[in-house]
């Protein structure tokens, strides 16, 4: 089974690092092999080129980038649900990512 890579993007890469931790905990709990990492909007293209994620998830504060990424990428690009983001609900965000990856 190949590891699914989930990339989160926010303004500075800080607020999503806690969410990454919560998502990783949820993945372990359900036995899902995933690699989850966060980066800043300014470094997103570098990470896309080097990491080749299966999905790109945008923090609500950078949702304005959605159409640009969707136009350029062939992977799913989603905006993280604002409530899940605010509550740092890693389980819900992970579930959404895995559903979108398919």
PDB file of N, CA and C in Angstrom:
ATOM      1  N   UNK A   1       0.844  -1.189   0.000  1.00  0.00           N
ATOM      2  CA  UNK A   1       0.000   0.000   0.000  1.00  0.00           C
ATOM      3  C   UNK A   1       0.887   1.249   0.000  1.00  0.00           C
ATOM      4  N   UNK A   2       0.589   2.171  -0.881  1.00  0.00           N
ATOM      5  CA  UNK A   2       1.402   3.379  -0.934  1.00  0.00           C
ATOM      6  C   UNK A   2       0.887   4.420   0.051  1.00  0.00           C
ATOM      7  N   UNK A   3       1.804   5.149   0.601  1.00  0.00           N
ATOM      8  CA  UNK A   3       1.461   6.191   1.557  1.00  0.00           C
ATOM      9  C   UNK A   3       0.829   7.359   0.821  1.00  0.00           C
ATOM     10  N   UNK A   4      -0.286   7.840   1.334  1.00  0.00           N
ATOM     11  CA  UNK A   4      -0.948   9.009   0.752  1.00  0.00           C
ATOM     12  C   UNK A   4      -0.323  10.254   1.351  1.00  0.00           C
ATOM     13  N   UNK A   5      -0.010  11.217   0.486  1.00  0.00           N
ATOM     14  CA  UNK A   5       0.593  12.475   0.945  1.00  0.00           C
ATOM     15  C   UNK A   5      -0.447  13.580   0.930  1.00  0.00           C
ATOM     16  N   UNK A   6      -0.589  14.224   2.077  1.00  0.00           N
ATOM     17  CA  UNK A   6      -1.551  15.312   2.232  1.00  0.00           C
ATOM     18  C   UNK A   6      -0.780  16.581   2.565  1.00  0.00           C
ATOM     19  N   UNK A   7      -0.974  17.598   1.748  1.00  0.00           N
ATOM     20  CA  UNK A   7      -0.282  18.867   1.958  1.00  0.00           C
ATOM     21  C   UNK A   7      -1.275  19.932   2.397  1.00  0.00           C
ATOM     22  N   UNK A   8      -0.971  20.598   3.507  1.00  0.00           N
ATOM     23  CA  UNK A   8      -1.799  21.691   3.997  1.00  0.00           C
ATOM     24  C   UNK A   8      -1.064  23.000   3.768  1.00  0.00           C
ATOM     25  N   UNK A   9      -1.806  24.014   3.371  1.00  0.00           N
ATOM     26  CA  UNK A   9      -1.209  25.329   3.121  1.00  0.00           C
ATOM     27  C   UNK A   9      -1.965  26.378   3.923  1.00  0.00           C
ATOM     28  N   UNK A  10      -1.222  27.214   4.629  1.00  0.00           N
ATOM     29  CA  UNK A  10      -1.842  28.362   5.297  1.00  0.00           C
ATOM     30  C   UNK A  10      -0.949  29.577   5.084  1.00  0.00           C
ATOM     31  N   UNK A  11      -1.297  30.685   5.692  1.00  0.00           N
ATOM     32  CA  UNK A  11      -0.541  31.921   5.459  1.00  0.00           C
ATOM     33  C   UNK A  11       0.938  31.742   5.756  1.00  0.00           C
ATOM     34  N   UNK A  12       1.253  31.296   6.971  1.00  0.00           N
ATOM     35  CA  UNK A  12       2.656  31.197   7.367  1.00  0.00           C
ATOM     36  C   UNK A  12       3.110  29.767   7.652  1.00  0.00           C
ATOM     37  N   UNK A  13       2.187  28.813   7.616  1.00  0.00           N
ATOM     38  CA  UNK A  13       2.562  27.429   7.889  1.00  0.00           C
ATOM     39  C   UNK A  13       2.532  27.072   9.367  1.00  0.00           C
ATOM     40  N   UNK A  14       2.184  28.034  10.216  1.00  0.00           N
ATOM     41  CA  UNK A  14       2.200  27.801  11.664  1.00  0.00           C
ATOM     42  C   UNK A  14       0.893  27.209  12.165  1.00  0.00           C
ATOM     43  N   UNK A  15      -0.220  27.841  11.830  1.00  0.00           N
ATOM     44  CA  UNK A  15      -1.501  27.399  12.388  1.00  0.00           C
ATOM     45  C   UNK A  15      -1.851  25.984  11.955  1.00  0.00           C
ATOM     46  N   UNK A  16      -1.372  25.565  10.802  1.00  0.00           N
ATOM     47  CA  UNK A  16      -1.717  24.220  10.336  1.00  0.00           C
ATOM     48  C   UNK A  16      -0.848  23.137  10.968  1.00  0.00           C
ATOM     49  N   UNK A  17       0.262  23.505  11.625  1.00  0.00           N
ATOM     50  CA  UNK A  17       1.111  22.452  12.178  1.00  0.00           C
ATOM     51  C   UNK A  17       0.416  21.684  13.303  1.00  0.00           C
ATOM     52  N   UNK A  18      -0.419  22.350  14.086  1.00  0.00           N
ATOM     53  CA  UNK A  18      -1.193  21.645  15.113  1.00  0.00           C
ATOM     54  C   UNK A  18      -2.225  20.730  14.446  1.00  0.00           C
ATOM     55  N   UNK A  19      -2.832  21.221  13.383  1.00  0.00           N
ATOM     56  CA  UNK A  19      -3.811  20.409  12.655  1.00  0.00           C
ATOM     57  C   UNK A  19      -3.144  19.164  12.057  1.00  0.00           C
ATOM     58  N   UNK A  20      -1.930  19.305  11.548  1.00  0.00           N
ATOM     59  CA  UNK A  20      -1.178  18.168  11.016  1.00  0.00           C
ATOM     60  C   UNK A  20      -1.027  17.103  12.098  1.00  0.00           C
ATOM     61  N   UNK A  21      -0.656  17.534  13.298  1.00  0.00           N
ATOM     62  CA  UNK A  21      -0.468  16.604  14.419  1.00  0.00           C
ATOM     63  C   UNK A  21      -1.775  15.861  14.731  1.00  0.00           C
ATOM     64  N   UNK A  22      -2.877  16.597  14.769  1.00  0.00           N
ATOM     65  CA  UNK A  22      -4.184  15.992  15.065  1.00  0.00           C
ATOM     66  C   UNK A  22      -4.583  15.008  13.954  1.00  0.00           C
ATOM     67  N   UNK A  23      -4.300  15.367  12.709  1.00  0.00           N
ATOM     68  CA  UNK A  23      -4.621  14.485  11.580  1.00  0.00           C
ATOM     69  C   UNK A  23      -3.786  13.206  11.653  1.00  0.00           C
ATOM     70  N   UNK A  24      -2.505  13.348  12.007  1.00  0.00           N
ATOM     71  CA  UNK A  24      -1.637  12.176  12.112  1.00  0.00           C
ATOM     72  C   UNK A  24      -2.121  11.236  13.211  1.00  0.00           C
ATOM     73  N   UNK A  25      -2.561  11.805  14.330  1.00  0.00           N
ATOM     74  CA  UNK A  25      -3.109  10.990  15.418  1.00  0.00           C
ATOM     75  C   UNK A  25      -4.344  10.220  14.944  1.00  0.00           C
ATOM     76  N   UNK A  26      -5.205  10.881  14.194  1.00  0.00           N
ATOM     77  CA  UNK A  26      -6.413  10.231  13.665  1.00  0.00           C
ATOM     78  C   UNK A  26      -6.056   9.124  12.682  1.00  0.00           C
ATOM     79  N   UNK A  27      -5.039   9.368  11.862  1.00  0.00           N
ATOM     80  CA  UNK A  27      -4.606   8.366  10.877  1.00  0.00           C
ATOM     81  C   UNK A  27      -4.098   7.108  11.584  1.00  0.00           C
ATOM     82  N   UNK A  28      -3.316   7.294  12.630  1.00  0.00           N
ATOM     83  CA  UNK A  28      -2.799   6.158  13.406  1.00  0.00           C
ATOM     84  C   UNK A  28      -3.972   5.380  14.000  1.00  0.00           C
ATOM     85  N   UNK A  29      -4.947   6.097  14.527  1.00  0.00           N
ATOM     86  CA  UNK A  29      -6.107   5.468  15.169  1.00  0.00           C
ATOM     87  C   UNK A  29      -6.892   4.585  14.207  1.00  0.00           C
ATOM     88  N   UNK A  30      -6.934   4.959  12.924  1.00  0.00           N
ATOM     89  CA  UNK A  30      -7.693   4.145  11.953  1.00  0.00           C
ATOM     90  C   UNK A  30      -6.772   3.262  11.100  1.00  0.00           C
ATOM     91  N   UNK A  31      -5.479   3.296  11.395  1.00  0.00           N
ATOM     92  CA  UNK A  31      -4.540   2.439  10.677  1.00  0.00           C
ATOM     93  C   UNK A  31      -4.284   2.858   9.241  1.00  0.00           C
ATOM     94  N   UNK A  32      -4.414   4.152   8.969  1.00  0.00           N
ATOM     95  CA  UNK A  32      -4.197   4.679   7.613  1.00  0.00           C
ATOM     96  C   UNK A  32      -2.761   5.183   7.496  1.00  0.00           C
ATOM     97  N   UNK A  33      -2.069   4.764   6.426  1.00  0.00           N
ATOM     98  CA  UNK A  33      -0.703   5.226   6.207  1.00  0.00           C
ATOM     99  C   UNK A  33      -0.713   6.520   5.417  1.00  0.00           C
ATOM    100  N   UNK A  34      -0.389   7.608   6.096  1.00  0.00           N
ATOM    101  CA  UNK A  34      -0.378   8.906   5.432  1.00  0.00           C
ATOM    102  C   UNK A  34       0.868   9.694   5.818  1.00  0.00           C
ATOM    103  N   UNK A  35       1.234  10.598   4.935  1.00  0.00           N
ATOM    104  CA  UNK A  35       2.293  11.559   5.214  1.00  0.00           C
ATOM    105  C   UNK A  35       1.611  12.919   5.107  1.00  0.00           C
ATOM    106  N   UNK A  36       1.594  13.661   6.207  1.00  0.00           N
ATOM    107  CA  UNK A  36       0.892  14.937   6.235  1.00  0.00           C
ATOM    108  C   UNK A  36       1.902  16.016   6.598  1.00  0.00           C
ATOM    109  N   UNK A  37       1.900  17.095   5.840  1.00  0.00           N
ATOM    110  CA  UNK A  37       2.825  18.188   6.146  1.00  0.00           C
ATOM    111  C   UNK A  37       2.179  19.520   5.804  1.00  0.00           C
ATOM    112  N   UNK A  38       2.681  20.567   6.456  1.00  0.00           N
ATOM    113  CA  UNK A  38       2.151  21.911   6.251  1.00  0.00           C
ATOM    114  C   UNK A  38       3.243  22.815   5.709  1.00  0.00           C
ATOM    115  N   UNK A  39       2.809  23.797   4.946  1.00  0.00           N
ATOM    116  CA  UNK A  39       3.752  24.777   4.422  1.00  0.00           C
ATOM    117  C   UNK A  39       3.051  26.119   4.285  1.00  0.00           C
ATOM    118  N   UNK A  40       3.840  27.150   4.084  1.00  0.00           N
ATOM    119  CA  UNK A  40       3.275  28.488   3.892  1.00  0.00           C
ATOM    120  C   UNK A  40       2.839  28.656   2.436  1.00  0.00           C
ATOM    121  N   UNK A  41       1.937  29.586   2.226  1.00  0.00           N
ATOM    122  CA  UNK A  41       1.459  29.856   0.865  1.00  0.00           C
ATOM    123  C   UNK A  41       2.620  30.248  -0.041  1.00  0.00           C
ATOM    124  N   UNK A  42       3.587  30.988   0.510  1.00  0.00           N
ATOM    125  CA  UNK A  42       4.706  31.455  -0.313  1.00  0.00           C
ATOM    126  C   UNK A  42       5.633  30.315  -0.745  1.00  0.00           C
ATOM    127  N   UNK A  43       5.639  29.210   0.010  1.00  0.00           N
ATOM    128  CA  UNK A  43       6.516  28.087  -0.320  1.00  0.00           C
ATOM    129  C   UNK A  43       5.752  26.908  -0.939  1.00  0.00           C
ATOM    130  N   UNK A  44       4.466  27.095  -1.181  1.00  0.00           N
ATOM    131  CA  UNK A  44       3.604  25.995  -1.645  1.00  0.00           C
ATOM    132  C   UNK A  44       4.097  25.365  -2.949  1.00  0.00           C
ATOM    133  N   UNK A  45       4.483  26.191  -3.917  1.00  0.00           N
ATOM    134  CA  UNK A  45       4.901  25.626  -5.204  1.00  0.00           C
ATOM    135  C   UNK A  45       6.163  24.777  -5.064  1.00  0.00           C
ATOM    136  N   UNK A  46       7.115  25.224  -4.257  1.00  0.00           N
ATOM    137  CA  UNK A  46       8.337  24.436  -4.029  1.00  0.00           C
ATOM    138  C   UNK A  46       7.989  23.071  -3.445  1.00  0.00           C
ATOM    139  N   UNK A  47       7.088  23.059  -2.462  1.00  0.00           N
ATOM    140  CA  UNK A  47       6.697  21.801  -1.819  1.00  0.00           C
ATOM    141  C   UNK A  47       5.937  20.904  -2.796  1.00  0.00           C
ATOM    142  N   UNK A  48       5.098  21.493  -3.626  1.00  0.00           N
ATOM    143  CA  UNK A  48       4.375  20.703  -4.632  1.00  0.00           C
ATOM    144  C   UNK A  48       5.371  20.007  -5.558  1.00  0.00           C
ATOM    145  N   UNK A  49       6.393  20.749  -5.972  1.00  0.00           N
ATOM    146  CA  UNK A  49       7.385  20.212  -6.895  1.00  0.00           C
ATOM    147  C   UNK A  49       8.253  19.127  -6.256  1.00  0.00           C
ATOM    148  N   UNK A  50       8.564  19.279  -4.963  1.00  0.00           N
ATOM    149  CA  UNK A  50       9.474  18.327  -4.322  1.00  0.00           C
ATOM    150  C   UNK A  50       8.752  17.145  -3.671  1.00  0.00           C
ATOM    151  N   UNK A  51       7.541  17.349  -3.187  1.00  0.00           N
ATOM    152  CA  UNK A  51       6.849  16.310  -2.418  1.00  0.00           C
ATOM    153  C   UNK A  51       5.799  15.523  -3.215  1.00  0.00           C
ATOM    154  N   UNK A  52       5.248  16.107  -4.259  1.00  0.00           N
ATOM    155  CA  UNK A  52       4.218  15.459  -5.093  1.00  0.00           C
ATOM    156  C   UNK A  52       3.073  14.878  -4.254  1.00  0.00           C
ATOM    157  N   UNK A  53       2.338  15.747  -3.510  1.00  0.00           N
ATOM    158  CA  UNK A  53       1.248  15.242  -2.675  1.00  0.00           C
ATOM    159  C   UNK A  53       0.080  14.707  -3.508  1.00  0.00           C
ATOM    160  N   UNK A  54      -0.781  13.907  -2.861  1.00  0.00           N
ATOM    161  CA  UNK A  54      -1.982  13.383  -3.509  1.00  0.00           C
ATOM    162  C   UNK A  54      -3.135  14.373  -3.433  1.00  0.00           C
ATOM    163  N   UNK A  55      -3.048  15.302  -2.480  1.00  0.00           N
ATOM    164  CA  UNK A  55      -4.086  16.324  -2.317  1.00  0.00           C
ATOM    165  C   UNK A  55      -3.464  17.566  -1.693  1.00  0.00           C
ATOM    166  N   UNK A  56      -4.023  18.717  -2.048  1.00  0.00           N
ATOM    167  CA  UNK A  56      -3.617  19.998  -1.474  1.00  0.00           C
ATOM    168  C   UNK A  56      -4.824  20.550  -0.742  1.00  0.00           C
ATOM    169  N   UNK A  57      -4.651  20.836   0.546  1.00  0.00           N
ATOM    170  CA  UNK A  57      -5.742  21.392   1.344  1.00  0.00           C
ATOM    171  C   UNK A  57      -5.337  22.775   1.824  1.00  0.00           C
ATOM    172  N   UNK A  58      -6.198  23.749   1.538  1.00  0.00           N
ATOM    173  CA  UNK A  58      -5.916  25.137   1.878  1.00  0.00           C
ATOM    174  C   UNK A  58      -6.609  25.537   3.173  1.00  0.00           C
ATOM    175  N   UNK A  59      -5.890  26.227   4.039  1.00  0.00           N
ATOM    176  CA  UNK A  59      -6.512  26.795   5.228  1.00  0.00           C
ATOM    177  C   UNK A  59      -7.508  27.854   4.787  1.00  0.00           C
ATOM    178  N   UNK A  60      -8.563  28.076   5.583  1.00  0.00           N
ATOM    179  CA  UNK A  60      -9.599  29.049   5.196  1.00  0.00           C
ATOM    180  C   UNK A  60      -9.032  30.438   4.897  1.00  0.00           C
ATOM    181  N   UNK A  61      -7.920  30.810   5.547  1.00  0.00           N
ATOM    182  CA  UNK A  61      -7.361  32.151   5.341  1.00  0.00           C
ATOM    183  C   UNK A  61      -6.661  32.301   3.994  1.00  0.00           C
ATOM    184  N   UNK A  62      -6.422  31.210   3.285  1.00  0.00           N
ATOM    185  CA  UNK A  62      -5.809  31.311   1.948  1.00  0.00           C
ATOM    186  C   UNK A  62      -6.711  30.709   0.869  1.00  0.00           C
ATOM    187  N   UNK A  63      -8.016  30.683   1.142  1.00  0.00           N
ATOM    188  CA  UNK A  63      -8.932  30.084   0.165  1.00  0.00           C
ATOM    189  C   UNK A  63      -8.966  30.855  -1.158  1.00  0.00           C
ATOM    190  N   UNK A  64      -8.496  32.096  -1.143  1.00  0.00           N
ATOM    191  CA  UNK A  64      -8.419  32.880  -2.388  1.00  0.00           C
ATOM    192  C   UNK A  64      -7.469  32.238  -3.407  1.00  0.00           C
ATOM    193  N   UNK A  65      -6.611  31.314  -2.959  1.00  0.00           N
ATOM    194  CA  UNK A  65      -5.673  30.633  -3.861  1.00  0.00           C
ATOM    195  C   UNK A  65      -6.314  29.436  -4.571  1.00  0.00           C
ATOM    196  N   UNK A  66      -7.525  29.063  -4.171  1.00  0.00           N
ATOM    197  CA  UNK A  66      -8.165  27.844  -4.665  1.00  0.00           C
ATOM    198  C   UNK A  66      -8.212  27.747  -6.184  1.00  0.00           C
ATOM    199  N   UNK A  67      -8.769  28.744  -6.857  1.00  0.00           N
ATOM    200  CA  UNK A  67      -8.947  28.627  -8.310  1.00  0.00           C
ATOM    201  C   UNK A  67      -7.609  28.556  -9.042  1.00  0.00           C
ATOM    202  N   UNK A  68      -6.614  29.289  -8.551  1.00  0.00           N
ATOM    203  CA  UNK A  68      -5.291  29.255  -9.170  1.00  0.00           C
ATOM    204  C   UNK A  68      -4.699  27.849  -9.082  1.00  0.00           C
ATOM    205  N   UNK A  69      -4.732  27.246  -7.891  1.00  0.00           N
ATOM    206  CA  UNK A  69      -4.191  25.891  -7.737  1.00  0.00           C
ATOM    207  C   UNK A  69      -5.012  24.873  -8.532  1.00  0.00           C
ATOM    208  N   UNK A  70      -6.333  25.011  -8.514  1.00  0.00           N
ATOM    209  CA  UNK A  70      -7.184  24.062  -9.255  1.00  0.00           C
ATOM    210  C   UNK A  70      -6.886  24.117 -10.750  1.00  0.00           C
ATOM    211  N   UNK A  71      -6.607  25.302 -11.251  1.00  0.00           N
ATOM    212  CA  UNK A  71      -6.324  25.473 -12.678  1.00  0.00           C
ATOM    213  C   UNK A  71      -4.994  24.812 -13.053  1.00  0.00           C
ATOM    214  N   UNK A  72      -4.021  24.873 -12.159  1.00  0.00           N
ATOM    215  CA  UNK A  72      -2.677  24.406 -12.473  1.00  0.00           C
ATOM    216  C   UNK A  72      -2.383  22.955 -12.094  1.00  0.00           C
ATOM    217  N   UNK A  73      -3.132  22.392 -11.157  1.00  0.00           N
ATOM    218  CA  UNK A  73      -2.802  21.065 -10.638  1.00  0.00           C
ATOM    219  C   UNK A  73      -3.764  19.987 -11.129  1.00  0.00           C
ATOM    220  N   UNK A  74      -3.279  18.758 -11.123  1.00  0.00           N
ATOM    221  CA  UNK A  74      -4.119  17.634 -11.522  1.00  0.00           C
ATOM    222  C   UNK A  74      -4.565  16.813 -10.314  1.00  0.00           C
ATOM    223  N   UNK A  75      -4.200  17.272  -9.105  1.00  0.00           N
ATOM    224  CA  UNK A  75      -4.621  16.588  -7.875  1.00  0.00           C
ATOM    225  C   UNK A  75      -5.812  17.357  -7.279  1.00  0.00           C
ATOM    226  N   UNK A  76      -6.574  16.725  -6.379  1.00  0.00           N
ATOM    227  CA  UNK A  76      -7.659  17.470  -5.722  1.00  0.00           C
ATOM    228  C   UNK A  76      -7.111  18.647  -4.918  1.00  0.00           C
ATOM    229  N   UNK A  77      -7.816  19.768  -4.990  1.00  0.00           N
ATOM    230  CA  UNK A  77      -7.473  20.951  -4.189  1.00  0.00           C
ATOM    231  C   UNK A  77      -8.741  21.338  -3.443  1.00  0.00           C
ATOM    232  N   UNK A  78      -8.666  21.406  -2.133  1.00  0.00           N
ATOM    233  CA  UNK A  78      -9.829  21.684  -1.299  1.00  0.00           C
ATOM    234  C   UNK A  78      -9.516  22.786  -0.299  1.00  0.00           C
ATOM    235  N   UNK A  79     -10.559  23.482   0.141  1.00  0.00           N
ATOM    236  CA  UNK A  79     -10.420  24.411   1.260  1.00  0.00           C
ATOM    237  C   UNK A  79     -10.898  23.660   2.497  1.00  0.00           C
ATOM    238  N   UNK A  80     -10.107  23.684   3.546  1.00  0.00           N
ATOM    239  CA  UNK A  80     -10.476  23.020   4.790  1.00  0.00           C
ATOM    240  C   UNK A  80     -11.705  23.713   5.379  1.00  0.00           C
ATOM    241  N   UNK A  81     -12.674  22.922   5.792  1.00  0.00           N
ATOM    242  CA  UNK A  81     -13.885  23.441   6.425  1.00  0.00           C
ATOM    243  C   UNK A  81     -13.495  24.379   7.571  1.00  0.00           C
ATOM    244  N   UNK A  82     -14.083  25.571   7.580  1.00  0.00           N
ATOM    245  CA  UNK A  82     -13.682  26.587   8.548  1.00  0.00           C
ATOM    246  C   UNK A  82     -13.923  26.135   9.991  1.00  0.00           C
ATOM    247  N   UNK A  83     -15.032  25.463  10.235  1.00  0.00           N
ATOM    248  CA  UNK A  83     -15.322  25.005  11.595  1.00  0.00           C
ATOM    249  C   UNK A  83     -14.316  23.932  12.028  1.00  0.00           C
ATOM    250  N   UNK A  84     -14.035  22.977  11.135  1.00  0.00           N
ATOM    251  CA  UNK A  84     -13.049  21.938  11.459  1.00  0.00           C
ATOM    252  C   UNK A  84     -11.681  22.555  11.697  1.00  0.00           C
ATOM    253  N   UNK A  85     -11.362  23.568  10.910  1.00  0.00           N
ATOM    254  CA  UNK A  85     -10.067  24.248  11.059  1.00  0.00           C
ATOM    255  C   UNK A  85     -10.004  24.967  12.399  1.00  0.00           C
ATOM    256  N   UNK A  86     -11.048  25.712  12.703  1.00  0.00           N
ATOM    257  CA  UNK A  86     -11.095  26.468  13.952  1.00  0.00           C
ATOM    258  C   UNK A  86     -11.019  25.573  15.176  1.00  0.00           C
ATOM    259  N   UNK A  87     -11.669  24.410  15.107  1.00  0.00           N
ATOM    260  CA  UNK A  87     -11.672  23.469  16.224  1.00  0.00           C
ATOM    261  C   UNK A  87     -10.489  22.509  16.173  1.00  0.00           C
ATOM    262  N   UNK A  88      -9.656  22.644  15.119  1.00  0.00           N
ATOM    263  CA  UNK A  88      -8.528  21.731  14.915  1.00  0.00           C
ATOM    264  C   UNK A  88      -9.000  20.275  14.934  1.00  0.00           C
ATOM    265  N   UNK A  89     -10.084  20.020  14.187  1.00  0.00           N
ATOM    266  CA  UNK A  89     -10.670  18.685  14.130  1.00  0.00           C
ATOM    267  C   UNK A  89      -9.943  17.852  13.071  1.00  0.00           C
ATOM    268  N   UNK A  90      -8.828  17.263  13.503  1.00  0.00           N
ATOM    269  CA  UNK A  90      -7.996  16.483  12.590  1.00  0.00           C
ATOM    270  C   UNK A  90      -8.718  15.308  11.974  1.00  0.00           C
ATOM    271  N   UNK A  91      -9.616  14.698  12.736  1.00  0.00           N
ATOM    272  CA  UNK A  91     -10.353  13.532  12.238  1.00  0.00           C
ATOM    273  C   UNK A  91     -11.207  13.905  11.019  1.00  0.00           C
ATOM    274  N   UNK A  92     -11.958  15.002  11.121  1.00  0.00           N
ATOM    275  CA  UNK A  92     -12.817  15.421  10.010  1.00  0.00           C
ATOM    276  C   UNK A  92     -12.009  15.846   8.788  1.00  0.00           C
ATOM    277  N   UNK A  93     -10.924  16.567   9.019  1.00  0.00           N
ATOM    278  CA  UNK A  93     -10.100  17.036   7.899  1.00  0.00           C
ATOM    279  C   UNK A  93      -9.441  15.834   7.210  1.00  0.00           C
ATOM    280  N   UNK A  94      -8.963  14.885   7.997  1.00  0.00           N
ATOM    281  CA  UNK A  94      -8.360  13.667   7.431  1.00  0.00           C
ATOM    282  C   UNK A  94      -9.387  12.871   6.627  1.00  0.00           C
ATOM    283  N   UNK A  95     -10.580  12.731   7.192  1.00  0.00           N
ATOM    284  CA  UNK A  95     -11.652  12.004   6.508  1.00  0.00           C
ATOM    285  C   UNK A  95     -11.951  12.649   5.159  1.00  0.00           C
ATOM    286  N   UNK A  96     -12.042  13.977   5.123  1.00  0.00           N
ATOM    287  CA  UNK A  96     -12.309  14.704   3.876  1.00  0.00           C
ATOM    288  C   UNK A  96     -11.182  14.473   2.874  1.00  0.00           C
ATOM    289  N   UNK A  97      -9.937  14.555   3.335  1.00  0.00           N
ATOM    290  CA  UNK A  97      -8.791  14.366   2.448  1.00  0.00           C
ATOM    291  C   UNK A  97      -8.783  12.967   1.844  1.00  0.00           C
ATOM    292  N   UNK A  98      -9.010  11.960   2.668  1.00  0.00           N
ATOM    293  CA  UNK A  98      -8.986  10.576   2.175  1.00  0.00           C
ATOM    294  C   UNK A  98     -10.121  10.322   1.195  1.00  0.00           C
ATOM    295  N   UNK A  99     -11.274  10.939   1.449  1.00  0.00           N
ATOM    296  CA  UNK A  99     -12.421  10.792   0.543  1.00  0.00           C
ATOM    297  C   UNK A  99     -12.084  11.411  -0.829  1.00  0.00           C
ATOM    298  N   UNK A 100     -11.443  12.575  -0.797  1.00  0.00           N
ATOM    299  CA  UNK A 100     -11.105  13.271  -2.046  1.00  0.00           C
ATOM    300  C   UNK A 100     -10.005  12.567  -2.831  1.00  0.00           C
ATOM    301  N   UNK A 101      -9.068  11.944  -2.112  1.00  0.00           N
ATOM    302  CA  UNK A 101      -7.997  11.200  -2.791  1.00  0.00           C
ATOM    303  C   UNK A 101      -8.575   9.966  -3.465  1.00  0.00           C
ATOM    304  N   UNK A 102      -9.553   9.363  -2.788  1.00  0.00           N
ATOM    305  CA  UNK A 102     -10.264   8.208  -3.355  1.00  0.00           C
ATOM    306  C   UNK A 102      -9.593   6.884  -3.144  1.00  0.00           C
TER     307      UNK A 102
END
